[in-house]
Amino acid sequence: MLSVLAAAMAAATALPLPAPIALPDYEGGDAFVFSDGRVERVVRSSGDTVIWAGLSGPTYTRSRNFIVPVLSWRSGRGTGSREVHGNPDALWPMARPRSVRFRVVSETRAGPEASLKRSVALWVCKSGKLRSFTVKAGSFEAVPVVCDRYSSTTMRLIERREWDYAPELGHYIRRVSINYLRGSKREVELVAALSGPAASSARLSALSRQALAERAPHRRP
């Protein structure tokens, strides 16, 4: 009886998709602040790729499709790039729950003279039904998306990533990362979304500091 009731309640919270949901469309100056203090700021957008940056540090390149891992980045003296094989964009437009599979080839160098390291991962992603979510930034109707990463050699499940994507906002309002090898879980939610003059460096820095201050009491000693 309890399982039947739980299923009925879950069905009641799921909402029909009002129209097919297209890929996110970002513009330079769009910025998003999360509960861990992280800032995601659009530097520029061109076609299917978006150049992002935080409050400091180098830029990084992503697909408009957030389920695709970062395509190129720099960290200290190290660099990395990825190639995607398959069609992760088949998840869109989101008119109903669907799934996709694709392969990602990653190449990294710890420094200019370091040897190239190459790895391959298999991803399986599924979208769900539109539901109501409440985060620090407010209440939204969002589509849950879950992606599982598998080893290409053992097919062992390595990682799970979850997003709740809000069409009216054009970005995800919650992100969860579970690393099964490390036994770790990280969850963040949207604190603020800004664009144009409102997304000034001073304003973004203040929101980031506030998010960190509010999160601090909840950290384990």
N, C-alpha and C. Protein backbone atom coordinates (compact mmCIF):
# COMPACT_ATOMS: atom_id res chain seq x y z
N MET A 1 0.83 -1.20 0.00
CA MET A 1 0.00 0.00 0.00
C MET A 1 0.87 1.25 0.00
N LEU A 2 1.95 1.23 0.81
CA LEU A 2 2.82 2.39 0.88
C LEU A 2 3.51 2.63 -0.45
N SER A 3 3.92 1.54 -1.14
CA SER A 3 4.58 1.71 -2.43
C SER A 3 3.64 2.28 -3.47
N VAL A 4 2.36 1.88 -3.42
CA VAL A 4 1.35 2.40 -4.33
C VAL A 4 1.14 3.89 -4.08
N LEU A 5 1.08 4.28 -2.79
CA LEU A 5 0.89 5.67 -2.43
C LEU A 5 2.09 6.52 -2.88
N ALA A 6 3.31 5.98 -2.69
CA ALA A 6 4.50 6.71 -3.10
C ALA A 6 4.51 6.92 -4.60
N ALA A 7 4.11 5.90 -5.35
CA ALA A 7 4.08 6.02 -6.80
C ALA A 7 3.05 7.06 -7.24
N ALA A 8 1.91 7.09 -6.54
CA ALA A 8 0.87 8.06 -6.88
C ALA A 8 1.34 9.48 -6.60
N MET A 9 2.06 9.66 -5.48
CA MET A 9 2.57 10.98 -5.15
C MET A 9 3.62 11.45 -6.15
N ALA A 10 4.49 10.52 -6.59
CA ALA A 10 5.51 10.87 -7.58
C ALA A 10 4.87 11.26 -8.90
N ALA A 11 3.81 10.54 -9.28
CA ALA A 11 3.12 10.87 -10.52
C ALA A 11 2.46 12.23 -10.43
N ALA A 12 1.97 12.58 -9.23
CA ALA A 12 1.30 13.86 -9.06
C ALA A 12 2.25 15.03 -9.18
N THR A 13 3.52 14.83 -8.80
CA THR A 13 4.49 15.92 -8.86
C THR A 13 5.09 16.06 -10.25
N ALA A 14 4.99 15.02 -11.09
CA ALA A 14 5.51 15.11 -12.45
C ALA A 14 4.56 15.95 -13.29
N LEU A 15 5.13 16.82 -14.11
CA LEU A 15 4.34 17.71 -14.92
C LEU A 15 4.53 17.39 -16.40
N PRO A 16 3.47 17.56 -17.22
CA PRO A 16 3.65 17.32 -18.65
C PRO A 16 4.53 18.41 -19.26
N LEU A 17 5.34 18.04 -20.26
CA LEU A 17 6.16 19.04 -20.93
C LEU A 17 5.26 19.93 -21.77
N PRO A 18 5.29 21.27 -21.56
CA PRO A 18 4.41 22.16 -22.31
C PRO A 18 4.74 22.20 -23.79
N ALA A 19 6.00 22.00 -24.14
CA ALA A 19 6.46 22.00 -25.52
C ALA A 19 7.84 21.39 -25.53
N PRO A 20 8.29 20.90 -26.70
CA PRO A 20 9.65 20.36 -26.75
C PRO A 20 10.67 21.39 -26.26
N ILE A 21 11.58 20.92 -25.41
CA ILE A 21 12.58 21.81 -24.80
C ILE A 21 13.87 21.73 -25.60
N ALA A 22 14.30 22.88 -26.13
CA ALA A 22 15.49 22.93 -26.97
C ALA A 22 16.75 23.00 -26.13
N LEU A 23 17.89 22.80 -26.78
CA LEU A 23 19.19 22.94 -26.12
C LEU A 23 19.33 24.32 -25.51
N PRO A 24 20.06 24.45 -24.41
CA PRO A 24 20.29 25.77 -23.82
C PRO A 24 20.91 26.73 -24.83
N ASP A 25 20.55 27.99 -24.72
CA ASP A 25 21.08 29.02 -25.62
C ASP A 25 21.66 30.14 -24.77
N TYR A 26 22.98 30.17 -24.65
CA TYR A 26 23.64 31.12 -23.75
C TYR A 26 24.12 32.36 -24.51
N GLU A 27 24.22 33.47 -23.78
CA GLU A 27 24.76 34.70 -24.33
C GLU A 27 25.89 35.20 -23.44
N GLY A 28 26.85 35.89 -24.03
CA GLY A 28 27.95 36.45 -23.27
C GLY A 28 27.45 37.31 -22.13
N GLY A 29 27.98 37.12 -20.95
CA GLY A 29 27.54 37.89 -19.78
C GLY A 29 26.60 37.13 -18.88
N ASP A 30 26.00 36.04 -19.36
CA ASP A 30 25.16 35.22 -18.49
C ASP A 30 26.04 34.63 -17.38
N ALA A 31 25.54 34.61 -16.17
CA ALA A 31 26.33 34.10 -15.05
C ALA A 31 25.45 33.39 -14.04
N PHE A 32 26.00 32.35 -13.42
CA PHE A 32 25.26 31.54 -12.47
C PHE A 32 26.14 31.28 -11.25
N VAL A 33 25.57 31.46 -10.07
CA VAL A 33 26.30 31.27 -8.82
C VAL A 33 25.68 30.10 -8.08
N PHE A 34 26.54 29.19 -7.57
CA PHE A 34 26.06 27.99 -6.91
C PHE A 34 26.40 27.99 -5.43
N SER A 35 25.78 27.08 -4.71
CA SER A 35 25.85 27.07 -3.24
C SER A 35 27.23 26.75 -2.70
N ASP A 36 28.15 26.25 -3.53
CA ASP A 36 29.52 26.01 -3.07
C ASP A 36 30.43 27.20 -3.39
N GLY A 37 29.82 28.31 -3.85
CA GLY A 37 30.58 29.50 -4.18
C GLY A 37 31.07 29.55 -5.62
N ARG A 38 30.87 28.47 -6.35
CA ARG A 38 31.34 28.43 -7.73
C ARG A 38 30.52 29.38 -8.60
N VAL A 39 31.23 30.08 -9.49
CA VAL A 39 30.58 30.97 -10.45
C VAL A 39 30.83 30.43 -11.86
N GLU A 40 29.78 30.30 -12.64
CA GLU A 40 29.88 29.90 -14.04
C GLU A 40 29.44 31.09 -14.88
N ARG A 41 30.38 31.66 -15.62
CA ARG A 41 30.12 32.90 -16.37
C ARG A 41 30.42 32.67 -17.85
N VAL A 42 29.48 33.05 -18.71
CA VAL A 42 29.65 32.89 -20.15
C VAL A 42 30.51 34.03 -20.69
N VAL A 43 31.65 33.67 -21.28
CA VAL A 43 32.50 34.67 -21.92
C VAL A 43 31.99 34.97 -23.31
N ARG A 44 31.72 33.92 -24.07
CA ARG A 44 31.11 34.08 -25.39
C ARG A 44 30.55 32.73 -25.84
N SER A 45 29.64 32.80 -26.78
CA SER A 45 28.99 31.61 -27.30
C SER A 45 29.07 31.64 -28.82
N SER A 46 29.41 30.50 -29.41
CA SER A 46 29.52 30.42 -30.86
C SER A 46 29.02 29.06 -31.33
N GLY A 47 27.90 29.05 -32.02
CA GLY A 47 27.36 27.78 -32.50
C GLY A 47 26.99 26.87 -31.36
N ASP A 48 27.57 25.67 -31.38
CA ASP A 48 27.25 24.67 -30.36
C ASP A 48 28.23 24.66 -29.20
N THR A 49 29.18 25.59 -29.18
CA THR A 49 30.15 25.62 -28.09
C THR A 49 30.05 26.93 -27.32
N VAL A 50 30.41 26.85 -26.03
CA VAL A 50 30.34 28.00 -25.14
C VAL A 50 31.66 28.11 -24.39
N ILE A 51 32.23 29.31 -24.33
CA ILE A 51 33.43 29.55 -23.55
C ILE A 51 33.01 30.07 -22.19
N TRP A 52 33.44 29.39 -21.14
CA TRP A 52 33.06 29.72 -19.77
C TRP A 52 34.28 30.17 -18.98
N ALA A 53 34.02 30.84 -17.86
CA ALA A 53 35.08 31.21 -16.92
C ALA A 53 34.47 31.33 -15.53
N GLY A 54 35.33 31.22 -14.53
CA GLY A 54 34.90 31.46 -13.16
C GLY A 54 35.23 32.89 -12.78
N LEU A 55 35.35 33.14 -11.49
CA LEU A 55 35.73 34.49 -11.05
C LEU A 55 37.18 34.78 -11.38
N SER A 56 38.00 33.73 -11.45
CA SER A 56 39.41 33.89 -11.79
C SER A 56 39.87 32.62 -12.49
N GLY A 57 41.06 32.66 -13.03
CA GLY A 57 41.58 31.47 -13.69
C GLY A 57 41.27 31.47 -15.18
N PRO A 58 41.78 30.44 -15.89
CA PRO A 58 41.61 30.37 -17.34
C PRO A 58 40.19 30.00 -17.75
N THR A 59 39.89 30.23 -19.01
CA THR A 59 38.58 29.85 -19.55
C THR A 59 38.57 28.35 -19.87
N TYR A 60 37.39 27.82 -20.10
CA TYR A 60 37.24 26.44 -20.53
C TYR A 60 36.08 26.36 -21.51
N THR A 61 36.10 25.34 -22.34
CA THR A 61 35.12 25.21 -23.43
C THR A 61 34.18 24.05 -23.16
N ARG A 62 32.89 24.32 -23.35
CA ARG A 62 31.88 23.29 -23.17
C ARG A 62 30.93 23.30 -24.36
N SER A 63 30.23 22.18 -24.53
CA SER A 63 29.12 22.12 -25.46
C SER A 63 27.92 22.84 -24.84
N ARG A 64 27.02 23.33 -25.68
CA ARG A 64 25.75 23.87 -25.16
C ARG A 64 24.99 22.79 -24.40
N ASN A 65 25.24 21.55 -24.75
CA ASN A 65 24.60 20.41 -24.11
C ASN A 65 25.39 20.08 -22.84
N PHE A 66 24.85 20.41 -21.69
CA PHE A 66 25.59 20.31 -20.43
C PHE A 66 25.94 18.88 -20.03
N ILE A 67 25.32 17.87 -20.64
CA ILE A 67 25.65 16.49 -20.28
C ILE A 67 27.02 16.08 -20.83
N VAL A 68 27.54 16.85 -21.79
CA VAL A 68 28.85 16.55 -22.38
C VAL A 68 29.94 17.10 -21.47
N PRO A 69 30.92 16.29 -21.08
CA PRO A 69 32.00 16.79 -20.23
C PRO A 69 32.76 17.95 -20.89
N VAL A 70 33.47 18.72 -20.08
CA VAL A 70 34.25 19.87 -20.58
C VAL A 70 35.11 19.42 -21.77
N LEU A 71 35.10 20.22 -22.84
CA LEU A 71 35.78 19.84 -24.08
C LEU A 71 37.26 20.22 -24.10
N SER A 72 37.59 21.35 -23.50
CA SER A 72 39.00 21.75 -23.41
C SER A 72 39.20 22.64 -22.21
N TRP A 73 40.38 22.54 -21.58
CA TRP A 73 40.63 23.30 -20.36
C TRP A 73 42.12 23.41 -20.12
N ARG A 74 42.48 24.30 -19.19
CA ARG A 74 43.86 24.46 -18.74
C ARG A 74 43.85 24.55 -17.23
N SER A 75 44.79 23.88 -16.59
CA SER A 75 44.92 23.91 -15.13
C SER A 75 46.39 24.01 -14.77
N GLY A 76 46.80 25.18 -14.31
CA GLY A 76 48.22 25.39 -14.06
C GLY A 76 48.98 25.29 -15.37
N ARG A 77 49.97 24.40 -15.43
CA ARG A 77 50.72 24.17 -16.65
C ARG A 77 50.13 23.04 -17.47
N GLY A 78 49.09 22.39 -16.92
CA GLY A 78 48.48 21.26 -17.61
C GLY A 78 47.36 21.67 -18.54
N THR A 79 47.09 20.82 -19.52
CA THR A 79 46.01 21.06 -20.47
C THR A 79 45.24 19.77 -20.71
N GLY A 80 44.03 19.90 -21.22
CA GLY A 80 43.23 18.73 -21.52
C GLY A 80 42.24 19.02 -22.64
N SER A 81 41.86 17.97 -23.34
CA SER A 81 40.86 18.11 -24.40
C SER A 81 40.09 16.79 -24.53
N ARG A 82 38.90 16.88 -25.06
CA ARG A 82 38.07 15.69 -25.24
C ARG A 82 37.42 15.69 -26.61
N GLU A 83 37.23 14.49 -27.13
CA GLU A 83 36.47 14.28 -28.36
C GLU A 83 35.26 13.41 -28.03
N VAL A 84 34.13 13.77 -28.61
CA VAL A 84 32.89 13.04 -28.35
C VAL A 84 32.52 12.22 -29.58
N HIS A 85 32.26 10.94 -29.38
CA HIS A 85 31.86 10.06 -30.46
C HIS A 85 30.45 9.55 -30.15
N GLY A 86 29.55 9.79 -31.06
CA GLY A 86 28.14 9.49 -30.82
C GLY A 86 27.34 10.77 -30.93
N ASN A 87 26.11 10.74 -30.47
CA ASN A 87 25.24 11.90 -30.61
C ASN A 87 24.51 12.20 -29.30
N PRO A 88 25.20 12.82 -28.33
CA PRO A 88 24.53 13.17 -27.07
C PRO A 88 23.39 14.17 -27.26
N ASP A 89 23.43 14.92 -28.38
CA ASP A 89 22.36 15.90 -28.62
C ASP A 89 21.04 15.24 -28.98
N ALA A 90 21.05 13.92 -29.19
CA ALA A 90 19.80 13.21 -29.48
C ALA A 90 18.85 13.24 -28.29
N LEU A 91 19.35 13.64 -27.13
CA LEU A 91 18.49 13.79 -25.95
C LEU A 91 17.53 14.97 -26.12
N TRP A 92 17.86 15.86 -27.07
CA TRP A 92 17.08 17.07 -27.31
C TRP A 92 16.45 17.02 -28.70
N PRO A 93 15.33 17.77 -28.89
CA PRO A 93 14.58 18.49 -27.86
C PRO A 93 13.88 17.53 -26.92
N MET A 94 13.72 17.95 -25.68
CA MET A 94 13.10 17.11 -24.66
C MET A 94 11.58 17.24 -24.75
N ALA A 95 10.99 16.30 -25.47
CA ALA A 95 9.54 16.28 -25.57
C ALA A 95 8.96 15.15 -24.71
N ARG A 96 9.82 14.21 -24.36
CA ARG A 96 9.45 13.06 -23.53
C ARG A 96 10.73 12.46 -22.99
N PRO A 97 10.66 11.63 -21.95
CA PRO A 97 11.87 10.98 -21.45
C PRO A 97 12.52 10.13 -22.54
N ARG A 98 13.83 10.24 -22.65
CA ARG A 98 14.56 9.45 -23.63
C ARG A 98 15.98 9.22 -23.13
N SER A 99 16.75 8.40 -23.84
CA SER A 99 18.11 8.09 -23.41
C SER A 99 19.07 8.15 -24.60
N VAL A 100 20.36 8.38 -24.30
CA VAL A 100 21.40 8.41 -25.33
C VAL A 100 22.66 7.72 -24.78
N ARG A 101 23.49 7.27 -25.70
CA ARG A 101 24.79 6.69 -25.36
C ARG A 101 25.84 7.35 -26.22
N PHE A 102 27.01 7.63 -25.64
CA PHE A 102 28.11 8.19 -26.42
C PHE A 102 29.43 7.87 -25.74
N ARG A 103 30.51 8.04 -26.48
CA ARG A 103 31.85 7.72 -26.00
C ARG A 103 32.68 9.00 -25.97
N VAL A 104 33.49 9.14 -24.93
CA VAL A 104 34.33 10.33 -24.78
C VAL A 104 35.80 9.91 -24.67
N VAL A 105 36.63 10.48 -25.54
CA VAL A 105 38.08 10.23 -25.52
C VAL A 105 38.75 11.46 -24.93
N SER A 106 39.46 11.29 -23.82
CA SER A 106 40.13 12.40 -23.14
C SER A 106 41.64 12.31 -23.32
N GLU A 107 42.28 13.45 -23.56
CA GLU A 107 43.73 13.53 -23.66
C GLU A 107 44.22 14.66 -22.76
N THR A 108 45.18 14.36 -21.89
CA THR A 108 45.68 15.35 -20.94
C THR A 108 47.20 15.35 -20.91
N ARG A 109 47.75 16.51 -20.58
CA ARG A 109 49.19 16.67 -20.35
C ARG A 109 49.37 17.44 -19.05
N ALA A 110 50.22 16.96 -18.17
CA ALA A 110 50.47 17.64 -16.90
C ALA A 110 51.32 18.89 -17.10
N GLY A 111 52.01 18.99 -18.23
CA GLY A 111 52.85 20.14 -18.54
C GLY A 111 53.28 20.07 -19.99
N PRO A 112 53.89 21.14 -20.51
CA PRO A 112 54.27 21.18 -21.92
C PRO A 112 55.19 20.03 -22.34
N GLU A 113 56.06 19.58 -21.44
CA GLU A 113 57.00 18.51 -21.77
C GLU A 113 56.52 17.13 -21.32
N ALA A 114 55.38 17.08 -20.67
CA ALA A 114 54.87 15.81 -20.14
C ALA A 114 54.31 14.94 -21.25
N SER A 115 54.27 13.65 -21.02
CA SER A 115 53.71 12.73 -22.01
C SER A 115 52.19 12.84 -22.03
N LEU A 116 51.63 12.52 -23.16
CA LEU A 116 50.19 12.58 -23.34
C LEU A 116 49.53 11.36 -22.72
N LYS A 117 48.47 11.58 -21.93
CA LYS A 117 47.71 10.50 -21.34
C LYS A 117 46.33 10.46 -21.99
N ARG A 118 45.89 9.27 -22.33
CA ARG A 118 44.64 9.10 -23.06
C ARG A 118 43.73 8.13 -22.32
N SER A 119 42.46 8.44 -22.25
CA SER A 119 41.48 7.55 -21.61
C SER A 119 40.17 7.61 -22.38
N VAL A 120 39.39 6.54 -22.23
CA VAL A 120 38.11 6.45 -22.93
C VAL A 120 37.03 6.08 -21.92
N ALA A 121 35.90 6.74 -22.01
CA ALA A 121 34.77 6.45 -21.11
C ALA A 121 33.49 6.35 -21.92
N LEU A 122 32.59 5.53 -21.44
CA LEU A 122 31.28 5.36 -22.06
C LEU A 122 30.23 6.03 -21.17
N TRP A 123 29.36 6.81 -21.77
CA TRP A 123 28.31 7.51 -21.03
C TRP A 123 26.93 7.05 -21.48
N VAL A 124 26.05 6.87 -20.52
CA VAL A 124 24.63 6.56 -20.78
C VAL A 124 23.81 7.59 -20.02
N CYS A 125 22.99 8.35 -20.74
CA CYS A 125 22.22 9.44 -20.12
C CYS A 125 20.74 9.26 -20.37
N LYS A 126 19.95 9.65 -19.36
CA LYS A 126 18.49 9.55 -19.46
C LYS A 126 17.85 10.82 -18.93
N SER A 127 16.82 11.28 -19.62
CA SER A 127 16.05 12.42 -19.14
C SER A 127 14.74 11.93 -18.53
N GLY A 128 14.20 12.69 -17.59
CA GLY A 128 12.95 12.31 -16.92
C GLY A 128 11.80 13.23 -17.28
N LYS A 129 10.82 13.26 -16.40
CA LYS A 129 9.64 14.10 -16.62
C LYS A 129 9.79 15.43 -15.87
N LEU A 130 9.19 16.46 -16.41
CA LEU A 130 9.22 17.78 -15.80
C LEU A 130 8.61 17.72 -14.40
N ARG A 131 9.35 18.30 -13.42
CA ARG A 131 8.88 18.29 -12.04
C ARG A 131 9.15 19.65 -11.41
N SER A 132 8.53 19.89 -10.28
CA SER A 132 8.73 21.14 -9.55
C SER A 132 9.87 20.96 -8.55
N PHE A 133 10.81 21.90 -8.56
CA PHE A 133 11.94 21.87 -7.64
C PHE A 133 12.08 23.24 -6.97
N THR A 134 12.54 23.24 -5.74
CA THR A 134 12.83 24.49 -5.03
C THR A 134 14.28 24.47 -4.59
N VAL A 135 15.03 25.49 -4.99
CA VAL A 135 16.43 25.65 -4.60
C VAL A 135 16.58 27.06 -4.02
N LYS A 136 17.80 27.42 -3.64
CA LYS A 136 18.03 28.72 -3.03
C LYS A 136 17.63 29.88 -3.96
N ALA A 137 17.75 29.67 -5.27
CA ALA A 137 17.42 30.72 -6.23
C ALA A 137 15.92 30.87 -6.45
N GLY A 138 15.12 29.90 -5.98
CA GLY A 138 13.68 29.98 -6.14
C GLY A 138 13.07 28.65 -6.53
N SER A 139 11.82 28.68 -6.98
CA SER A 139 11.10 27.48 -7.40
C SER A 139 11.01 27.44 -8.92
N PHE A 140 11.26 26.26 -9.48
CA PHE A 140 11.29 26.11 -10.93
C PHE A 140 10.67 24.78 -11.33
N GLU A 141 10.19 24.73 -12.57
CA GLU A 141 9.85 23.46 -13.18
C GLU A 141 11.09 23.01 -13.95
N ALA A 142 11.55 21.81 -13.67
CA ALA A 142 12.83 21.36 -14.24
C ALA A 142 12.75 19.89 -14.66
N VAL A 143 13.60 19.55 -15.62
CA VAL A 143 13.69 18.18 -16.11
C VAL A 143 14.92 17.51 -15.49
N PRO A 144 14.77 16.42 -14.76
CA PRO A 144 15.93 15.71 -14.23
C PRO A 144 16.63 14.91 -15.32
N VAL A 145 17.96 14.98 -15.34
CA VAL A 145 18.78 14.24 -16.29
C VAL A 145 19.85 13.49 -15.50
N VAL A 146 20.02 12.20 -15.77
CA VAL A 146 21.00 11.37 -15.08
C VAL A 146 21.95 10.76 -16.10
N CYS A 147 23.27 10.88 -15.84
CA CYS A 147 24.28 10.30 -16.72
C CYS A 147 25.19 9.37 -15.92
N ASP A 148 25.43 8.17 -16.43
CA ASP A 148 26.34 7.23 -15.80
C ASP A 148 27.56 7.04 -16.70
N ARG A 149 28.75 7.08 -16.08
CA ARG A 149 30.01 6.87 -16.80
C ARG A 149 30.56 5.49 -16.48
N TYR A 150 30.89 4.73 -17.52
CA TYR A 150 31.39 3.38 -17.36
C TYR A 150 32.81 3.26 -17.90
N SER A 151 33.60 2.38 -17.31
CA SER A 151 34.92 2.06 -17.84
C SER A 151 34.76 1.40 -19.20
N SER A 152 35.58 1.80 -20.17
CA SER A 152 35.48 1.21 -21.51
C SER A 152 36.09 -0.19 -21.56
N THR A 153 36.84 -0.58 -20.54
CA THR A 153 37.47 -1.91 -20.53
C THR A 153 36.74 -2.91 -19.67
N THR A 154 36.26 -2.47 -18.50
CA THR A 154 35.58 -3.39 -17.57
C THR A 154 34.08 -3.20 -17.52
N MET A 155 33.59 -2.08 -18.09
CA MET A 155 32.18 -1.70 -18.04
C MET A 155 31.70 -1.48 -16.61
N ARG A 156 32.64 -1.23 -15.73
CA ARG A 156 32.29 -0.93 -14.34
C ARG A 156 31.75 0.49 -14.24
N LEU A 157 30.70 0.68 -13.44
CA LEU A 157 30.15 2.01 -13.23
C LEU A 157 31.13 2.82 -12.39
N ILE A 158 31.58 3.95 -12.92
CA ILE A 158 32.59 4.77 -12.26
C ILE A 158 32.00 6.01 -11.62
N GLU A 159 31.05 6.62 -12.31
CA GLU A 159 30.57 7.93 -11.86
C GLU A 159 29.12 8.13 -12.29
N ARG A 160 28.41 8.91 -11.51
CA ARG A 160 27.06 9.34 -11.88
C ARG A 160 26.96 10.85 -11.74
N ARG A 161 26.36 11.50 -12.72
CA ARG A 161 26.11 12.92 -12.67
C ARG A 161 24.62 13.17 -12.88
N GLU A 162 24.07 14.06 -12.08
CA GLU A 162 22.65 14.40 -12.16
C GLU A 162 22.49 15.90 -12.30
N TRP A 163 21.56 16.29 -13.13
CA TRP A 163 21.22 17.70 -13.29
C TRP A 163 19.69 17.86 -13.25
N ASP A 164 19.24 19.00 -12.75
CA ASP A 164 17.84 19.39 -12.88
C ASP A 164 17.84 20.65 -13.74
N TYR A 165 17.36 20.52 -14.97
CA TYR A 165 17.43 21.60 -15.95
C TYR A 165 16.12 22.37 -16.01
N ALA A 166 16.19 23.70 -15.77
CA ALA A 166 15.00 24.55 -15.78
C ALA A 166 14.89 25.27 -17.13
N PRO A 167 13.94 24.91 -17.97
CA PRO A 167 13.82 25.52 -19.30
C PRO A 167 13.64 27.04 -19.25
N GLU A 168 12.86 27.55 -18.30
CA GLU A 168 12.61 28.99 -18.25
C GLU A 168 13.88 29.76 -17.93
N LEU A 169 14.81 29.13 -17.25
CA LEU A 169 16.07 29.77 -16.88
C LEU A 169 17.14 29.51 -17.93
N GLY A 170 17.05 28.36 -18.60
CA GLY A 170 18.04 28.01 -19.60
C GLY A 170 19.32 27.47 -19.01
N HIS A 171 19.26 26.93 -17.79
CA HIS A 171 20.45 26.37 -17.13
C HIS A 171 19.97 25.41 -16.06
N TYR A 172 20.89 24.61 -15.54
CA TYR A 172 20.50 23.68 -14.49
C TYR A 172 20.49 24.38 -13.13
N ILE A 173 19.57 23.95 -12.28
CA ILE A 173 19.42 24.58 -10.97
C ILE A 173 19.99 23.70 -9.85
N ARG A 174 20.36 22.47 -10.20
CA ARG A 174 20.97 21.56 -9.22
C ARG A 174 21.89 20.61 -9.96
N ARG A 175 23.02 20.27 -9.32
CA ARG A 175 23.96 19.33 -9.93
C ARG A 175 24.50 18.41 -8.84
N VAL A 176 24.52 17.12 -9.12
CA VAL A 176 25.04 16.12 -8.19
C VAL A 176 26.09 15.28 -8.90
N SER A 177 27.23 15.08 -8.24
CA SER A 177 28.28 14.22 -8.78
C SER A 177 28.60 13.14 -7.76
N ILE A 178 28.53 11.88 -8.20
CA ILE A 178 28.85 10.75 -7.34
C ILE A 178 29.99 9.98 -7.97
N ASN A 179 31.11 9.87 -7.25
CA ASN A 179 32.26 9.11 -7.73
C ASN A 179 32.30 7.80 -6.95
N TYR A 180 32.03 6.71 -7.65
CA TYR A 180 31.95 5.42 -6.97
C TYR A 180 33.31 4.86 -6.60
N LEU A 181 34.36 5.25 -7.32
CA LEU A 181 35.70 4.78 -6.99
C LEU A 181 36.19 5.42 -5.70
N ARG A 182 35.92 6.70 -5.52
CA ARG A 182 36.36 7.42 -4.33
C ARG A 182 35.35 7.34 -3.19
N GLY A 183 34.12 6.94 -3.50
CA GLY A 183 33.07 6.92 -2.49
C GLY A 183 32.66 8.31 -2.06
N SER A 184 32.66 9.26 -3.00
CA SER A 184 32.36 10.65 -2.67
C SER A 184 31.10 11.13 -3.41
N LYS A 185 30.45 12.12 -2.80
CA LYS A 185 29.26 12.72 -3.40
C LYS A 185 29.31 14.23 -3.19
N ARG A 186 29.00 14.97 -4.23
CA ARG A 186 29.00 16.43 -4.16
C ARG A 186 27.70 16.94 -4.78
N GLU A 187 26.98 17.79 -4.05
CA GLU A 187 25.72 18.33 -4.53
C GLU A 187 25.71 19.84 -4.34
N VAL A 188 25.32 20.56 -5.38
CA VAL A 188 25.22 22.01 -5.30
C VAL A 188 23.90 22.44 -5.93
N GLU A 189 23.41 23.60 -5.51
CA GLU A 189 22.19 24.15 -6.10
C GLU A 189 22.39 25.61 -6.45
N LEU A 190 21.56 26.09 -7.34
CA LEU A 190 21.69 27.46 -7.83
C LEU A 190 21.29 28.45 -6.76
N VAL A 191 22.14 29.47 -6.60
CA VAL A 191 21.87 30.57 -5.66
C VAL A 191 21.34 31.79 -6.39
N ALA A 192 21.92 32.08 -7.57
CA ALA A 192 21.52 33.26 -8.31
C ALA A 192 21.87 33.11 -9.78
N ALA A 193 21.05 33.71 -10.65
CA ALA A 193 21.31 33.78 -12.08
C ALA A 193 21.23 35.24 -12.50
N LEU A 194 22.28 35.74 -13.14
CA LEU A 194 22.34 37.14 -13.54
C LEU A 194 22.80 37.24 -14.98
N SER A 195 22.55 38.41 -15.59
CA SER A 195 23.03 38.66 -16.95
C SER A 195 23.21 40.16 -17.14
N GLY A 196 23.96 40.51 -18.17
CA GLY A 196 24.16 41.92 -18.48
C GLY A 196 24.89 42.66 -17.38
N PRO A 197 24.58 43.94 -17.19
CA PRO A 197 25.26 44.76 -16.18
C PRO A 197 25.11 44.21 -14.76
N ALA A 198 24.03 43.48 -14.50
CA ALA A 198 23.82 42.93 -13.15
C ALA A 198 24.88 41.90 -12.79
N ALA A 199 25.49 41.26 -13.82
CA ALA A 199 26.48 40.22 -13.57
C ALA A 199 27.89 40.82 -13.51
N SER A 200 28.05 41.86 -12.72
CA SER A 200 29.37 42.48 -12.58
C SER A 200 30.27 41.60 -11.72
N SER A 201 31.58 41.78 -11.86
CA SER A 201 32.52 40.99 -11.07
C SER A 201 32.31 41.20 -9.58
N ALA A 202 32.03 42.46 -9.20
CA ALA A 202 31.83 42.77 -7.79
C ALA A 202 30.60 42.05 -7.25
N ARG A 203 29.51 42.05 -8.03
CA ARG A 203 28.27 41.40 -7.59
C ARG A 203 28.44 39.89 -7.52
N LEU A 204 29.09 39.31 -8.51
CA LEU A 204 29.31 37.87 -8.51
C LEU A 204 30.21 37.45 -7.35
N SER A 205 31.23 38.23 -7.07
CA SER A 205 32.13 37.94 -5.95
C SER A 205 31.38 37.98 -4.62
N ALA A 206 30.51 38.97 -4.48
CA ALA A 206 29.75 39.09 -3.24
C ALA A 206 28.80 37.91 -3.05
N LEU A 207 28.15 37.50 -4.12
CA LEU A 207 27.23 36.36 -4.03
C LEU A 207 28.00 35.07 -3.74
N SER A 208 29.18 34.93 -4.34
CA SER A 208 30.00 33.75 -4.09
C SER A 208 30.42 33.68 -2.63
N ARG A 209 30.87 34.81 -2.08
CA ARG A 209 31.28 34.84 -0.67
C ARG A 209 30.11 34.54 0.25
N GLN A 210 28.94 35.07 -0.08
CA GLN A 210 27.76 34.83 0.74
C GLN A 210 27.37 33.35 0.72
N ALA A 211 27.45 32.72 -0.46
CA ALA A 211 27.12 31.30 -0.57
C ALA A 211 28.07 30.46 0.26
N LEU A 212 29.35 30.80 0.23
CA LEU A 212 30.34 30.07 1.02
C LEU A 212 30.11 30.25 2.52
N ALA A 213 29.74 31.47 2.91
CA ALA A 213 29.50 31.75 4.32
C ALA A 213 28.29 30.97 4.83
N GLU A 214 27.26 30.86 4.01
CA GLU A 214 26.05 30.14 4.41
C GLU A 214 26.29 28.63 4.43
N ARG A 215 27.21 28.18 3.61
CA ARG A 215 27.50 26.75 3.52
C ARG A 215 28.41 26.29 4.66
N ALA A 216 29.27 27.19 5.14
CA ALA A 216 30.29 26.85 6.14
C ALA A 216 29.74 26.14 7.37
N PRO A 217 28.63 26.64 7.99
CA PRO A 217 28.13 25.96 9.21
C PRO A 217 27.71 24.53 9.00
N HIS A 218 27.43 24.16 7.72
CA HIS A 218 26.95 22.82 7.43
C HIS A 218 28.07 21.86 7.09
N ARG A 219 29.31 22.36 6.99
CA ARG A 219 30.43 21.49 6.69
C ARG A 219 30.81 20.66 7.89
N ARG A 220 31.27 19.47 7.64
CA ARG A 220 31.72 18.61 8.72
C ARG A 220 33.07 19.09 9.23
N PRO A 221 33.33 19.02 10.53
CA PRO A 221 34.63 19.45 11.05
C PRO A 221 35.74 18.53 10.58
